[in-house]
Amino acid sequence: MNNDQGAAVAAAGIGIGLLVILVFLCIGLVLHILFSFCFKRICEKCGIKPGLLIWIPFFNFIRLLQAAKLSGWLIIPSIIPPVGLVIGIIMWVKVCEARGKSAALVIGLILLPIIFIPYLAFSE
């Protein structure tokens, strides 16, 4: 293989790598918009005005805490992973109760959030 072929192969590899990165970024953006919209609907159905924070990653957790009738300040200790997991579970239990759903729905929210968060957002 001469230098021209090697350069062409390297350029093709870089192009494919950039395409893969672009695809993952687009999928991430679509999932972010989907979940943010679902969080917005959940907040509205729990009587909380979602505002712009609902569209900002990490800060949307504040509005969900408020929808669960918990203090938004719980976002600070939730930075610690085990504490954040416990706070998240408590938050989702309270959100499910506020929406009139069974607290057992939290198991589904943890295992299959792509299915159960939209269910929680769009069900009556």
C-alpha atoms as a PDB file:
ATOM      1  CA  MET A   1       0.000   0.000   0.000  1.00  0.00           C
ATOM      2  CA  ASN A   2       1.460   3.376  -0.954  1.00  0.00           C
ATOM      3  CA  ASN A   3       1.078   6.668   0.892  1.00  0.00           C
ATOM      4  CA  ASP A   4      -1.937   7.790  -1.170  1.00  0.00           C
ATOM      5  CA  GLN A   5      -3.868   4.620  -0.380  1.00  0.00           C
ATOM      6  CA  GLY A   6      -2.943   4.804   3.289  1.00  0.00           C
ATOM      7  CA  ALA A   7      -4.115   8.406   3.468  1.00  0.00           C
ATOM      8  CA  ALA A   8      -7.389   7.470   1.756  1.00  0.00           C
ATOM      9  CA  VAL A   9      -7.981   4.613   4.199  1.00  0.00           C
ATOM     10  CA  ALA A  10      -7.207   6.896   7.164  1.00  0.00           C
ATOM     11  CA  ALA A  11      -9.554   9.581   5.827  1.00  0.00           C
ATOM     12  CA  ALA A  12     -12.321   7.010   5.332  1.00  0.00           C
ATOM     13  CA  GLY A  13     -11.810   5.734   8.872  1.00  0.00           C
ATOM     14  CA  ILE A  14     -12.009   9.245  10.280  1.00  0.00           C
ATOM     15  CA  GLY A  15     -15.151   9.920   8.233  1.00  0.00           C
ATOM     16  CA  ILE A  16     -16.837   6.754   9.478  1.00  0.00           C
ATOM     17  CA  GLY A  17     -15.832   7.567  13.065  1.00  0.00           C
ATOM     18  CA  LEU A  18     -17.288  11.064  12.785  1.00  0.00           C
ATOM     19  CA  LEU A  19     -20.485   9.648  11.291  1.00  0.00           C
ATOM     20  CA  VAL A  20     -20.851   7.209  14.206  1.00  0.00           C
ATOM     21  CA  ILE A  21     -20.317  10.066  16.686  1.00  0.00           C
ATOM     22  CA  LEU A  22     -22.901  12.196  14.863  1.00  0.00           C
ATOM     23  CA  VAL A  23     -25.457   9.360  14.930  1.00  0.00           C
ATOM     24  CA  PHE A  24     -24.966   8.857  18.687  1.00  0.00           C
ATOM     25  CA  LEU A  25     -25.255  12.593  19.314  1.00  0.00           C
ATOM     26  CA  CYS A  26     -28.519  12.718  17.343  1.00  0.00           C
ATOM     27  CA  ILE A  27     -29.923   9.731  19.245  1.00  0.00           C
ATOM     28  CA  GLY A  28     -28.920  11.381  22.520  1.00  0.00           C
ATOM     29  CA  LEU A  29     -30.591  14.647  21.513  1.00  0.00           C
ATOM     30  CA  VAL A  30     -33.816  12.883  20.538  1.00  0.00           C
ATOM     31  CA  LEU A  31     -33.868  10.968  23.843  1.00  0.00           C
ATOM     32  CA  HIS A  32     -33.181  14.165  25.793  1.00  0.00           C
ATOM     33  CA  ILE A  33     -36.078  15.959  24.079  1.00  0.00           C
ATOM     34  CA  LEU A  34     -38.390  12.963  24.623  1.00  0.00           C
ATOM     35  CA  PHE A  35     -37.577  12.619  28.322  1.00  0.00           C
ATOM     36  CA  SER A  36     -37.682  16.386  28.928  1.00  0.00           C
ATOM     37  CA  PHE A  37     -41.128  16.579  27.323  1.00  0.00           C
ATOM     38  CA  CYS A  38     -42.280  13.635  29.454  1.00  0.00           C
ATOM     39  CA  PHE A  39     -40.894  15.319  32.587  1.00  0.00           C
ATOM     40  CA  LYS A  40     -42.760  18.491  31.577  1.00  0.00           C
ATOM     41  CA  ARG A  41     -46.030  16.554  31.301  1.00  0.00           C
ATOM     42  CA  ILE A  42     -45.415  14.796  34.630  1.00  0.00           C
ATOM     43  CA  CYS A  43     -44.803  18.132  36.376  1.00  0.00           C
ATOM     44  CA  GLU A  44     -47.924  19.665  34.825  1.00  0.00           C
ATOM     45  CA  LYS A  45     -50.049  16.694  35.898  1.00  0.00           C
ATOM     46  CA  CYS A  46     -48.649  16.979  39.442  1.00  0.00           C
ATOM     47  CA  GLY A  47     -49.565  20.672  39.568  1.00  0.00           C
ATOM     48  CA  ILE A  48     -46.033  22.070  39.171  1.00  0.00           C
ATOM     49  CA  LYS A  49     -45.167  24.685  36.563  1.00  0.00           C
ATOM     50  CA  PRO A  50     -42.150  23.126  34.788  1.00  0.00           C
ATOM     51  CA  GLY A  51     -40.522  26.295  33.443  1.00  0.00           C
ATOM     52  CA  LEU A  52     -37.287  26.248  31.482  1.00  0.00           C
ATOM     53  CA  LEU A  53     -35.385  24.147  34.024  1.00  0.00           C
ATOM     54  CA  ILE A  54     -37.194  21.061  32.801  1.00  0.00           C
ATOM     55  CA  TRP A  55     -35.238  21.237  29.512  1.00  0.00           C
ATOM     56  CA  ILE A  56     -31.798  21.523  31.175  1.00  0.00           C
ATOM     57  CA  PRO A  57     -30.129  18.228  32.096  1.00  0.00           C
ATOM     58  CA  PHE A  58     -29.525  17.727  35.838  1.00  0.00           C
ATOM     59  CA  PHE A  59     -31.638  20.787  36.711  1.00  0.00           C
ATOM     60  CA  ASN A  60     -34.803  19.080  35.498  1.00  0.00           C
ATOM     61  CA  PHE A  61     -34.367  16.907  38.588  1.00  0.00           C
ATOM     62  CA  ILE A  62     -35.256  19.980  40.707  1.00  0.00           C
ATOM     63  CA  ARG A  63     -38.699  20.241  39.106  1.00  0.00           C
ATOM     64  CA  LEU A  64     -39.279  16.504  39.456  1.00  0.00           C
ATOM     65  CA  LEU A  65     -38.378  16.756  43.151  1.00  0.00           C
ATOM     66  CA  GLN A  66     -40.912  19.559  43.498  1.00  0.00           C
ATOM     67  CA  ALA A  67     -43.532  17.481  41.667  1.00  0.00           C
ATOM     68  CA  ALA A  68     -42.876  14.778  44.265  1.00  0.00           C
ATOM     69  CA  LYS A  69     -43.488  17.388  47.004  1.00  0.00           C
ATOM     70  CA  LEU A  70     -39.828  17.198  48.060  1.00  0.00           C
ATOM     71  CA  SER A  71     -37.375  20.062  48.481  1.00  0.00           C
ATOM     72  CA  GLY A  72     -35.470  21.109  45.376  1.00  0.00           C
ATOM     73  CA  TRP A  73     -32.408  21.390  47.613  1.00  0.00           C
ATOM     74  CA  LEU A  74     -32.200  17.592  47.633  1.00  0.00           C
ATOM     75  CA  ILE A  75     -30.390  17.975  44.337  1.00  0.00           C
ATOM     76  CA  ILE A  76     -27.210  18.826  46.288  1.00  0.00           C
ATOM     77  CA  PRO A  77     -26.858  15.540  48.229  1.00  0.00           C
ATOM     78  CA  SER A  78     -28.053  13.631  45.146  1.00  0.00           C
ATOM     79  CA  ILE A  79     -24.649  14.319  43.570  1.00  0.00           C
ATOM     80  CA  ILE A  80     -23.278  11.502  45.763  1.00  0.00           C
ATOM     81  CA  PRO A  81     -24.181   8.339  43.792  1.00  0.00           C
ATOM     82  CA  PRO A  82     -25.644   6.088  46.541  1.00  0.00           C
ATOM     83  CA  VAL A  83     -27.519   9.014  48.084  1.00  0.00           C
ATOM     84  CA  GLY A  84     -28.742  10.110  44.641  1.00  0.00           C
ATOM     85  CA  LEU A  85     -30.069   6.619  43.965  1.00  0.00           C
ATOM     86  CA  VAL A  86     -32.066   6.611  47.212  1.00  0.00           C
ATOM     87  CA  ILE A  87     -33.367  10.157  46.602  1.00  0.00           C
ATOM     88  CA  GLY A  88     -34.300   9.188  43.037  1.00  0.00           C
ATOM     89  CA  ILE A  89     -36.244   6.126  44.172  1.00  0.00           C
ATOM     90  CA  ILE A  90     -38.075   8.133  46.849  1.00  0.00           C
ATOM     91  CA  MET A  91     -38.818  10.857  44.292  1.00  0.00           C
ATOM     92  CA  TRP A  92     -40.272   8.414  41.752  1.00  0.00           C
ATOM     93  CA  VAL A  93     -42.389   6.688  44.433  1.00  0.00           C
ATOM     94  CA  LYS A  94     -43.858  10.052  45.423  1.00  0.00           C
ATOM     95  CA  VAL A  95     -44.366  11.102  41.786  1.00  0.00           C
ATOM     96  CA  CYS A  96     -46.207   7.828  41.108  1.00  0.00           C
ATOM     97  CA  GLU A  97     -48.392   8.410  44.156  1.00  0.00           C
ATOM     98  CA  ALA A  98     -49.057  12.024  43.085  1.00  0.00           C
ATOM     99  CA  ARG A  99     -50.142  10.727  39.678  1.00  0.00           C
ATOM    100  CA  GLY A 100     -52.414   8.142  41.307  1.00  0.00           C
ATOM    101  CA  LYS A 101     -50.273   5.207  40.195  1.00  0.00           C
ATOM    102  CA  SER A 102     -48.935   2.305  42.201  1.00  0.00           C
ATOM    103  CA  ALA A 103     -45.546   2.766  43.841  1.00  0.00           C
ATOM    104  CA  ALA A 104     -44.624  -0.585  42.243  1.00  0.00           C
ATOM    105  CA  LEU A 105     -44.385   1.312  38.946  1.00  0.00           C
ATOM    106  CA  VAL A 106     -40.977   2.524  40.190  1.00  0.00           C
ATOM    107  CA  ILE A 107     -39.541  -0.911  39.369  1.00  0.00           C
ATOM    108  CA  GLY A 108     -40.555  -0.383  35.759  1.00  0.00           C
ATOM    109  CA  LEU A 109     -39.198   3.171  35.828  1.00  0.00           C
ATOM    110  CA  ILE A 110     -35.817   1.839  36.931  1.00  0.00           C
ATOM    111  CA  LEU A 111     -35.671  -1.173  34.596  1.00  0.00           C
ATOM    112  CA  LEU A 112     -37.305   0.259  31.437  1.00  0.00           C
ATOM    113  CA  PRO A 113     -37.435   4.057  31.675  1.00  0.00           C
ATOM    114  CA  ILE A 114     -37.911   4.422  27.890  1.00  0.00           C
ATOM    115  CA  ILE A 115     -41.336   2.750  28.292  1.00  0.00           C
ATOM    116  CA  PHE A 116     -42.516   3.697  31.774  1.00  0.00           C
ATOM    117  CA  ILE A 117     -41.609   7.412  31.875  1.00  0.00           C
ATOM    118  CA  PRO A 118     -43.770   8.139  28.791  1.00  0.00           C
ATOM    119  CA  TYR A 119     -46.490   5.930  30.314  1.00  0.00           C
ATOM    120  CA  LEU A 120     -46.392   7.999  33.505  1.00  0.00           C
ATOM    121  CA  ALA A 121     -46.426  11.211  31.475  1.00  0.00           C
ATOM    122  CA  PHE A 122     -49.269  10.388  29.093  1.00  0.00           C
ATOM    123  CA  SER A 123     -51.567   8.096  31.062  1.00  0.00           C
ATOM    124  CA  GLU A 124     -54.627   9.468  32.809  1.00  0.00           C
END
